[in-house]
Amino acid sequence: MKEYKMDTVRRSTLSQQVLEQIVQLLMSGQLRPGDKLPAEMTLMEQFDVSRPVLREALSSLETLEIITRKPRGGTYVNERVGSNPFKVMLALSINNVSAVIEARMTLELGLVAIAAEKISDDQLEQLKKTIDSIQANPDSDYGRLDKEFHRIIAQSANNPVVEGMIESLLIAHEKTDSLIPFREPGVTVEHHLGIYEALKNRDPYAAFQQMYKHLSFVRKKLLDEPVKDQ
């Protein structure tokens, strides 16, 4: 069994450190797309961690679509991981909530401005349906609809250069969404309607402002930071 050159993991934030070590193996070329990882017991010994810690790290890597675990078939590095460095970067910072929400803001603010110029009538209709569904079911766990709203906007920008970033954006969305301490459907509907109206009016400046208002609200809720008046 091949042995990788890795540091013994310290006891603090164990699963995150295992995740980072595996990403470093990818970045150094010791692991490559398509490679099969050693068995769990071997990895536990090499990292000097318990099975639950290892599995937590592998689960995070699978969520990020960097690896695939096949029942009774082992764990493999995904073939296309090398073509999407944004996922690797996200993996290294997935537990840095401030960095993740700022990455979302960086991507979505640019995308929404371009979307105001490119979004189709059909995509606008899809956006409105997500808002209507949240409004009609305010007591539901509407995270899926929220994610769909942001996905439609990102894809409507129709830019092949940023296409690889969109999956990472949606993973970042899932991460921040999972940490929101409580839901405020009225506020979500209000913010989404503001973004929708700006896009419908083909106004990139208003779309940028409305998206900034929305994401700043999310950042405040997650980090308990003051939001400056716009």
Foldseek 3Di string as FASTA:
>chain_A
DDDDDFDAADPPPQLLVLLLRVLVCDVVVVAAAFDFDDDLVVSCVNNVHDSVSPVVNVVLCVLLVQWDQDVVPGIGGHNCCVVQCLSSVCSNCVVVLVVLLVVLLVLQLVLLLLLLQQPDPVLLVLLVVLLVVCVVCVPDLSLVSVLVNSLSSNCSSVDPVCPSVSSVSSSSSVSLSVQQPDDDSVVVSVLSVQLSVCSVVSHSVSNSVSVCVVSLVSCCRRVVDDDDDD
